[in-house]
C-alpha atoms as a PDB file:
ATOM      1  CA  MET A   1      -2.560   1.901  16.222  1.00  0.00           C
ATOM      2  CA  ALA A   2      -1.358   0.153  13.070  1.00  0.00           C
ATOM      3  CA  HIS A   3       2.054  -0.386  11.531  1.00  0.00           C
ATOM      4  CA  ILE A   4       1.732   0.535   7.840  1.00  0.00           C
ATOM      5  CA  LEU A   5       4.130  -0.055   4.957  1.00  0.00           C
ATOM      6  CA  ALA A   6       3.782   2.748   2.371  1.00  0.00           C
ATOM      7  CA  VAL A   7       5.378   2.148  -1.034  1.00  0.00           C
ATOM      8  CA  ASP A   8       5.628   4.846  -3.714  1.00  0.00           C
ATOM      9  CA  ASP A   9       8.381   5.980  -6.047  1.00  0.00           C
ATOM     10  CA  ALA A  10       7.445   9.647  -5.512  1.00  0.00           C
ATOM     11  CA  LYS A  11       9.110  10.968  -2.366  1.00  0.00           C
ATOM     12  CA  VAL A  12       6.484  13.695  -1.938  1.00  0.00           C
ATOM     13  CA  ILE A  13       3.710  11.064  -1.847  1.00  0.00           C
ATOM     14  CA  ARG A  14       5.637   8.851   0.586  1.00  0.00           C
ATOM     15  CA  MET A  15       6.204  11.775   2.939  1.00  0.00           C
ATOM     16  CA  MET A  16       2.584  12.975   2.686  1.00  0.00           C
ATOM     17  CA  VAL A  17       1.281   9.493   3.562  1.00  0.00           C
ATOM     18  CA  LYS A  18       3.785   9.171   6.414  1.00  0.00           C
ATOM     19  CA  ASN A  19       2.963  12.598   7.863  1.00  0.00           C
ATOM     20  CA  ILE A  20      -0.806  12.083   7.712  1.00  0.00           C
ATOM     21  CA  LEU A  21      -0.784   8.591   9.170  1.00  0.00           C
ATOM     22  CA  GLU A  22       1.790   9.264  11.872  1.00  0.00           C
ATOM     23  CA  SER A  23      -0.118  12.383  12.971  1.00  0.00           C
ATOM     24  CA  HIS A  24      -3.023  10.014  13.654  1.00  0.00           C
ATOM     25  CA  GLY A  25      -0.981   7.579  15.734  1.00  0.00           C
ATOM     26  CA  HIS A  26       0.124   5.017  13.155  1.00  0.00           C
ATOM     27  CA  THR A  27       3.698   3.821  12.636  1.00  0.00           C
ATOM     28  CA  VAL A  28       4.787   4.086   8.997  1.00  0.00           C
ATOM     29  CA  THR A  29       7.655   2.378   7.204  1.00  0.00           C
ATOM     30  CA  LEU A  30       8.501   3.725   3.739  1.00  0.00           C
ATOM     31  CA  ALA A  31       9.850   2.064   0.599  1.00  0.00           C
ATOM     32  CA  GLU A  32      10.356   3.593  -2.837  1.00  0.00           C
ATOM     33  CA  ASP A  33       9.471   0.544  -4.937  1.00  0.00           C
ATOM     34  CA  GLY A  34       8.236  -3.011  -4.663  1.00  0.00           C
ATOM     35  CA  ARG A  35      11.721  -4.502  -4.608  1.00  0.00           C
ATOM     36  CA  GLU A  36      12.753  -2.419  -1.584  1.00  0.00           C
ATOM     37  CA  ALA A  37       9.433  -3.172   0.112  1.00  0.00           C
ATOM     38  CA  MET A  38       9.880  -6.934  -0.435  1.00  0.00           C
ATOM     39  CA  ILE A  39      13.255  -6.828   1.302  1.00  0.00           C
ATOM     40  CA  PHE A  40      11.556  -5.230   4.308  1.00  0.00           C
ATOM     41  CA  ALA A  41       8.514  -7.545   4.189  1.00  0.00           C
ATOM     42  CA  ARG A  42      10.542 -10.755   4.250  1.00  0.00           C
ATOM     43  CA  ASP A  43      11.689  -9.991   7.804  1.00  0.00           C
ATOM     44  CA  ASN A  44       8.962  -7.704   9.155  1.00  0.00           C
ATOM     45  CA  ASP A  45       5.196  -7.810   9.596  1.00  0.00           C
ATOM     46  CA  VAL A  46       2.844  -4.865   9.207  1.00  0.00           C
ATOM     47  CA  ASP A  47      -0.892  -4.421   9.670  1.00  0.00           C
ATOM     48  CA  LEU A  48      -1.516  -2.754   6.296  1.00  0.00           C
ATOM     49  CA  VAL A  49       0.325  -2.118   3.019  1.00  0.00           C
ATOM     50  CA  ILE A  50      -0.377   0.906   0.821  1.00  0.00           C
ATOM     51  CA  THR A  51       1.352   0.732  -2.547  1.00  0.00           C
ATOM     52  CA  ASP A  52       1.513   2.762  -5.713  1.00  0.00           C
ATOM     53  CA  LEU A  53       0.640   0.888  -8.890  1.00  0.00           C
ATOM     54  CA  ASN A  54       3.232   2.214 -11.340  1.00  0.00           C
ATOM     55  CA  MET A  55       6.795   2.107  -9.988  1.00  0.00           C
ATOM     56  CA  PRO A  56      10.215   1.206 -11.402  1.00  0.00           C
ATOM     57  CA  ASN A  57      11.938  -2.094 -10.533  1.00  0.00           C
ATOM     58  CA  MET A  58       8.771  -3.771  -9.221  1.00  0.00           C
ATOM     59  CA  GLY A  59       5.327  -2.247  -9.709  1.00  0.00           C
ATOM     60  CA  GLY A  60       2.358  -2.479  -7.381  1.00  0.00           C
ATOM     61  CA  MET A  61       0.672  -5.505  -8.943  1.00  0.00           C
ATOM     62  CA  SER A  62       3.861  -7.594  -9.052  1.00  0.00           C
ATOM     63  CA  PHE A  63       4.653  -6.492  -5.500  1.00  0.00           C
ATOM     64  CA  THR A  64       1.156  -7.405  -4.299  1.00  0.00           C
ATOM     65  CA  ALA A  65       1.332 -10.844  -5.898  1.00  0.00           C
ATOM     66  CA  ALA A  66       4.804 -11.430  -4.407  1.00  0.00           C
ATOM     67  CA  LEU A  67       3.595 -10.356  -0.947  1.00  0.00           C
ATOM     68  CA  ARG A  68       0.707 -12.814  -1.125  1.00  0.00           C
ATOM     69  CA  ASN A  69       3.265 -15.590  -1.579  1.00  0.00           C
ATOM     70  CA  LEU A  70       4.792 -14.791   1.832  1.00  0.00           C
ATOM     71  CA  ASP A  71       3.064 -16.702   4.636  1.00  0.00           C
ATOM     72  CA  ASN A  72       3.041 -13.669   6.931  1.00  0.00           C
ATOM     73  CA  TYR A  73       1.347 -11.489   4.249  1.00  0.00           C
ATOM     74  CA  ARG A  74      -1.249 -13.944   3.001  1.00  0.00           C
ATOM     75  CA  TYR A  75      -4.063 -12.066   4.800  1.00  0.00           C
ATOM     76  CA  THR A  76      -2.523  -8.613   5.326  1.00  0.00           C
ATOM     77  CA  PRO A  77      -4.702  -5.922   3.715  1.00  0.00           C
ATOM     78  CA  ILE A  78      -3.105  -4.238   0.698  1.00  0.00           C
ATOM     79  CA  LEU A  79      -4.392  -0.979  -0.767  1.00  0.00           C
ATOM     80  CA  ILE A  80      -3.349   0.154  -4.244  1.00  0.00           C
ATOM     81  CA  MET A  81      -3.030   3.950  -4.446  1.00  0.00           C
ATOM     82  CA  THR A  82      -2.877   5.296  -7.998  1.00  0.00           C
ATOM     83  CA  THR A  83      -4.116   7.791 -10.571  1.00  0.00           C
ATOM     84  CA  GLU A  84      -5.383   4.857 -12.677  1.00  0.00           C
ATOM     85  CA  ASP A  85      -9.140   4.423 -12.619  1.00  0.00           C
ATOM     86  CA  SER A  86      -9.987   1.766 -15.199  1.00  0.00           C
ATOM     87  CA  GLU A  87     -12.179  -1.136 -14.129  1.00  0.00           C
ATOM     88  CA  TYR A  88      -9.784  -3.481 -15.921  1.00  0.00           C
ATOM     89  CA  LYS A  89      -6.846  -2.325 -13.737  1.00  0.00           C
ATOM     90  CA  LYS A  90      -8.970  -2.587 -10.593  1.00  0.00           C
ATOM     91  CA  LYS A  91      -9.977  -6.167 -11.449  1.00  0.00           C
ATOM     92  CA  LYS A  92      -6.389  -7.056 -12.296  1.00  0.00           C
ATOM     93  CA  ALA A  93      -5.176  -5.592  -8.986  1.00  0.00           C
ATOM     94  CA  LYS A  94      -7.848  -7.536  -7.111  1.00  0.00           C
ATOM     95  CA  GLY A  95      -6.744 -10.669  -8.952  1.00  0.00           C
ATOM     96  CA  SER A  96      -3.162 -10.153  -7.818  1.00  0.00           C
ATOM     97  CA  GLY A  97      -4.297  -9.908  -4.197  1.00  0.00           C
ATOM     98  CA  ALA A  98      -5.163  -6.257  -3.545  1.00  0.00           C
ATOM     99  CA  THR A  99      -7.779  -5.628  -0.883  1.00  0.00           C
ATOM    100  CA  GLY A 100      -8.810  -2.198  -2.128  1.00  0.00           C
ATOM    101  CA  TRP A 101      -8.072   0.870  -4.233  1.00  0.00           C
ATOM    102  CA  ILE A 102      -7.403   4.530  -3.353  1.00  0.00           C
ATOM    103  CA  GLN A 103      -7.704   7.044  -6.171  1.00  0.00           C
ATOM    104  CA  LYS A 104      -5.017   9.747  -6.400  1.00  0.00           C
ATOM    105  CA  PRO A 105      -4.876  12.592  -5.750  1.00  0.00           C
ATOM    106  CA  VAL A 106      -5.292  11.602  -2.126  1.00  0.00           C
ATOM    107  CA  ASN A 107      -6.175  14.017   0.611  1.00  0.00           C
ATOM    108  CA  GLU A 108      -6.021  13.455   4.345  1.00  0.00           C
ATOM    109  CA  GLU A 109      -9.708  12.637   4.755  1.00  0.00           C
ATOM    110  CA  ARG A 110      -9.780  10.075   1.917  1.00  0.00           C
ATOM    111  CA  LEU A 111      -6.580   8.383   3.099  1.00  0.00           C
ATOM    112  CA  LEU A 112      -7.713   8.143   6.727  1.00  0.00           C
ATOM    113  CA  ARG A 113     -11.152   6.866   5.717  1.00  0.00           C
ATOM    114  CA  ALA A 114      -9.626   4.149   3.486  1.00  0.00           C
ATOM    115  CA  VAL A 115      -7.167   3.083   6.185  1.00  0.00           C
ATOM    116  CA  ALA A 116      -9.856   2.958   8.891  1.00  0.00           C
ATOM    117  CA  LYS A 117     -12.257   1.020   6.666  1.00  0.00           C
ATOM    118  CA  THR A 118      -9.585  -1.477   5.611  1.00  0.00           C
ATOM    119  CA  LEU A 119      -8.240  -2.058   9.110  1.00  0.00           C
ATOM    120  CA  SER A 120     -11.728  -2.591  10.540  1.00  0.00           C
ATOM    121  CA  LYS A 121     -12.447  -5.556   8.234  1.00  0.00           C
END
């Protein structure tokens, strides 16, 4: 199964993502913002990144763009998970390197479907 980095400033969301994905065989590393996730990413590889869009210290778009500048994350799939739904934000996220978008609120079925679809590409 996959090693997934899940980044969200809301602890309840981080734990929900971790519990769902680990119950389906994935390994999950958690970070509470983009800055903390970048520290992890500089020395560790994962198969997939799921990040919130709006976070303190370093938000999802800045984090995604920074990840894409790391050689080992140039092609790693990155999903943005957020309550935002504007086409402008989606295009901007894509422009910063996001692979896809998951609309919150997220349930188990939607999360697993998005992860499976993204990892199969």
